[in-house]
Amino acid sequence: MVKCTFCRYTITPGTGKIFAMNDGKILHFCSNKCEKNNFKLGRKARFLKWTGAFMKGTVKVAEKKVEASVEEVAEKVAAEKRIAERQEADAERKAASEQAAEKRAAYEKSAAEKKQ
């Protein structure tokens, strides 16, 4: 069975068109729709949802996501740890600066009382 060059669906015998290009390449089309999308409109099959090439591309993307998911989870956990450590360090710095501000205010208050 021959498959359509554009949409990759199987062409039943006795249907479709065969197109021979100047460089000797033979293109098989199952319908006029595929032929027009390829030549006249210049579209790429992998971007059209109704084609088999689009579906094949989405399967590959899904497989890559599954394989990379373990690495992605590890990266997310590491990133969350770094964020938590940063937040703790920021909280400590903030508490230290508040204490320093309180000490400064108390010192300034005592210095103002001594002047009077």
C-alpha atoms as a PDB file:
ATOM      1  CA  MET A   1       0.000   0.000   0.000  1.00  0.00           C
ATOM      2  CA  VAL A   2       1.214   3.457  -0.890  1.00  0.00           C
ATOM      3  CA  LYS A   3       0.993   6.336   1.587  1.00  0.00           C
ATOM      4  CA  CYS A   4       0.100   9.914   0.735  1.00  0.00           C
ATOM      5  CA  THR A   5       3.197  12.106   0.595  1.00  0.00           C
ATOM      6  CA  PHE A   6       1.423  14.969   2.364  1.00  0.00           C
ATOM      7  CA  CYS A   7      -0.895  13.512   5.019  1.00  0.00           C
ATOM      8  CA  ARG A   8       0.668  10.021   5.297  1.00  0.00           C
ATOM      9  CA  TYR A   9      -2.655   8.175   5.088  1.00  0.00           C
ATOM     10  CA  THR A  10      -2.748   4.939   3.076  1.00  0.00           C
ATOM     11  CA  ILE A  11      -4.081   5.306  -0.447  1.00  0.00           C
ATOM     12  CA  THR A  12      -6.476   2.600  -1.591  1.00  0.00           C
ATOM     13  CA  PRO A  13      -5.579   1.082  -4.976  1.00  0.00           C
ATOM     14  CA  GLY A  14      -7.166   2.865  -7.932  1.00  0.00           C
ATOM     15  CA  THR A  15      -7.484   6.214  -6.176  1.00  0.00           C
ATOM     16  CA  GLY A  16      -5.291   9.271  -5.718  1.00  0.00           C
ATOM     17  CA  LYS A  17      -2.757  10.963  -7.980  1.00  0.00           C
ATOM     18  CA  ILE A  18       0.885  10.307  -8.753  1.00  0.00           C
ATOM     19  CA  PHE A  19       3.055  13.328  -9.474  1.00  0.00           C
ATOM     20  CA  ALA A  20       6.586  13.003 -10.881  1.00  0.00           C
ATOM     21  CA  MET A  21       8.869  15.946 -10.185  1.00  0.00           C
ATOM     22  CA  ASN A  22      11.659  17.091 -12.512  1.00  0.00           C
ATOM     23  CA  ASP A  23      14.350  15.693 -10.221  1.00  0.00           C
ATOM     24  CA  GLY A  24      12.791  12.206 -10.414  1.00  0.00           C
ATOM     25  CA  LYS A  25      11.016  12.271  -7.083  1.00  0.00           C
ATOM     26  CA  ILE A  26       7.564  10.671  -7.143  1.00  0.00           C
ATOM     27  CA  LEU A  27       4.830  12.165  -4.972  1.00  0.00           C
ATOM     28  CA  HIS A  28       1.611  10.318  -4.159  1.00  0.00           C
ATOM     29  CA  PHE A  29      -1.496  12.276  -3.144  1.00  0.00           C
ATOM     30  CA  CYS A  30      -4.675  10.736  -1.751  1.00  0.00           C
ATOM     31  CA  SER A  31      -6.884  13.730  -2.557  1.00  0.00           C
ATOM     32  CA  ASN A  32      -7.010  17.075  -4.287  1.00  0.00           C
ATOM     33  CA  LYS A  33      -6.943  18.663  -0.823  1.00  0.00           C
ATOM     34  CA  CYS A  34      -3.471  17.242  -0.123  1.00  0.00           C
ATOM     35  CA  GLU A  35      -2.190  18.233  -3.554  1.00  0.00           C
ATOM     36  CA  LYS A  36      -3.398  21.827  -3.224  1.00  0.00           C
ATOM     37  CA  ASN A  37      -2.059  22.201   0.328  1.00  0.00           C
ATOM     38  CA  ASN A  38       1.336  20.978  -0.814  1.00  0.00           C
ATOM     39  CA  PHE A  39       1.785  22.843  -4.101  1.00  0.00           C
ATOM     40  CA  LYS A  40      -0.635  25.733  -4.437  1.00  0.00           C
ATOM     41  CA  LEU A  41      -0.775  26.833  -0.788  1.00  0.00           C
ATOM     42  CA  GLY A  42       2.755  25.746   0.139  1.00  0.00           C
ATOM     43  CA  ARG A  43       1.756  24.408   3.549  1.00  0.00           C
ATOM     44  CA  LYS A  44       3.758  22.011   5.680  1.00  0.00           C
ATOM     45  CA  ALA A  45       1.917  18.859   6.769  1.00  0.00           C
ATOM     46  CA  ARG A  46       3.390  18.858  10.273  1.00  0.00           C
ATOM     47  CA  PHE A  47       1.528  22.095  11.106  1.00  0.00           C
ATOM     48  CA  LEU A  48      -1.940  20.907  10.005  1.00  0.00           C
ATOM     49  CA  LYS A  49      -3.929  18.984  12.617  1.00  0.00           C
ATOM     50  CA  TRP A  50      -5.765  16.773  10.113  1.00  0.00           C
ATOM     51  CA  THR A  51      -2.584  15.206   8.715  1.00  0.00           C
ATOM     52  CA  GLY A  52      -0.801  12.092   9.871  1.00  0.00           C
ATOM     53  CA  ALA A  53       2.478  14.026   9.938  1.00  0.00           C
ATOM     54  CA  PHE A  54       1.051  16.315  12.636  1.00  0.00           C
ATOM     55  CA  MET A  55      -0.092  13.347  14.698  1.00  0.00           C
ATOM     56  CA  LYS A  56       3.276  11.650  14.315  1.00  0.00           C
ATOM     57  CA  GLY A  57       5.023  14.806  15.511  1.00  0.00           C
ATOM     58  CA  THR A  58       2.832  15.056  18.609  1.00  0.00           C
ATOM     59  CA  VAL A  59       3.605  11.456  19.523  1.00  0.00           C
ATOM     60  CA  LYS A  60       7.334  12.171  19.314  1.00  0.00           C
ATOM     61  CA  VAL A  61       6.918  15.251  21.485  1.00  0.00           C
ATOM     62  CA  ALA A  62       4.950  13.237  24.049  1.00  0.00           C
ATOM     63  CA  GLU A  63       7.665  10.555  24.156  1.00  0.00           C
ATOM     64  CA  LYS A  64      10.356  13.176  24.706  1.00  0.00           C
ATOM     65  CA  LYS A  65       8.341  14.704  27.539  1.00  0.00           C
ATOM     66  CA  VAL A  66       8.019  11.336  29.294  1.00  0.00           C
ATOM     67  CA  GLU A  67      11.748  10.686  29.011  1.00  0.00           C
ATOM     68  CA  ALA A  68      12.665  14.153  30.201  1.00  0.00           C
ATOM     69  CA  SER A  69      10.083  14.237  32.982  1.00  0.00           C
ATOM     70  CA  VAL A  70      12.377  12.530  35.524  1.00  0.00           C
ATOM     71  CA  GLU A  71      15.096  15.097  34.886  1.00  0.00           C
ATOM     72  CA  GLU A  72      12.568  17.918  35.015  1.00  0.00           C
ATOM     73  CA  VAL A  73      11.225  16.724  38.370  1.00  0.00           C
ATOM     74  CA  ALA A  74      14.759  16.575  39.777  1.00  0.00           C
ATOM     75  CA  GLU A  75      15.438  20.104  38.502  1.00  0.00           C
ATOM     76  CA  LYS A  76      12.191  21.378  40.034  1.00  0.00           C
ATOM     77  CA  VAL A  77      13.015  19.847  43.410  1.00  0.00           C
ATOM     78  CA  ALA A  78      16.488  21.392  43.342  1.00  0.00           C
ATOM     79  CA  ALA A  79      15.033  24.766  42.342  1.00  0.00           C
ATOM     80  CA  GLU A  80      12.478  24.603  45.161  1.00  0.00           C
ATOM     81  CA  LYS A  81      15.269  23.852  47.644  1.00  0.00           C
ATOM     82  CA  ARG A  82      17.252  26.862  46.428  1.00  0.00           C
ATOM     83  CA  ILE A  83      14.174  29.064  46.706  1.00  0.00           C
ATOM     84  CA  ALA A  84      13.483  27.851  50.260  1.00  0.00           C
ATOM     85  CA  GLU A  85      17.103  28.504  51.270  1.00  0.00           C
ATOM     86  CA  ARG A  86      16.944  31.999  49.780  1.00  0.00           C
ATOM     87  CA  GLN A  87      13.707  32.747  51.603  1.00  0.00           C
ATOM     88  CA  GLU A  88      15.210  31.614  54.924  1.00  0.00           C
ATOM     89  CA  ALA A  89      18.298  33.749  54.345  1.00  0.00           C
ATOM     90  CA  ASP A  90      16.123  36.743  53.431  1.00  0.00           C
ATOM     91  CA  ALA A  91      14.021  36.266  56.582  1.00  0.00           C
ATOM     92  CA  GLU A  92      17.176  36.147  58.722  1.00  0.00           C
ATOM     93  CA  ARG A  93      18.522  39.311  57.074  1.00  0.00           C
ATOM     94  CA  LYS A  94      15.217  41.072  57.553  1.00  0.00           C
ATOM     95  CA  ALA A  95      15.065  40.110  61.249  1.00  0.00           C
ATOM     96  CA  ALA A  96      18.652  41.291  61.738  1.00  0.00           C
ATOM     97  CA  SER A  97      17.947  44.619  60.027  1.00  0.00           C
ATOM     98  CA  GLU A  98      14.805  45.112  62.152  1.00  0.00           C
ATOM     99  CA  GLN A  99      16.806  44.470  65.336  1.00  0.00           C
ATOM    100  CA  ALA A 100      19.466  46.914  64.176  1.00  0.00           C
ATOM    101  CA  ALA A 101      16.767  49.506  63.449  1.00  0.00           C
ATOM    102  CA  GLU A 102      15.275  49.013  66.927  1.00  0.00           C
ATOM    103  CA  LYS A 103      18.712  49.403  68.549  1.00  0.00           C
ATOM    104  CA  ARG A 104      19.378  52.517  66.471  1.00  0.00           C
ATOM    105  CA  ALA A 105      16.012  54.012  67.452  1.00  0.00           C
ATOM    106  CA  ALA A 106      16.641  53.259  71.126  1.00  0.00           C
ATOM    107  CA  TYR A 107      20.117  54.815  70.930  1.00  0.00           C
ATOM    108  CA  GLU A 108      18.791  57.931  69.191  1.00  0.00           C
ATOM    109  CA  LYS A 109      16.010  58.213  71.788  1.00  0.00           C
ATOM    110  CA  SER A 110      18.498  57.924  74.675  1.00  0.00           C
ATOM    111  CA  ALA A 111      20.829  60.435  72.981  1.00  0.00           C
ATOM    112  CA  ALA A 112      17.904  62.899  72.599  1.00  0.00           C
ATOM    113  CA  GLU A 113      16.971  62.489  76.290  1.00  0.00           C
ATOM    114  CA  LYS A 114      20.580  63.159  77.381  1.00  0.00           C
ATOM    115  CA  LYS A 115      20.680  66.405  75.359  1.00  0.00           C
ATOM    116  CA  GLN A 116      17.569  67.757  77.084  1.00  0.00           C
END
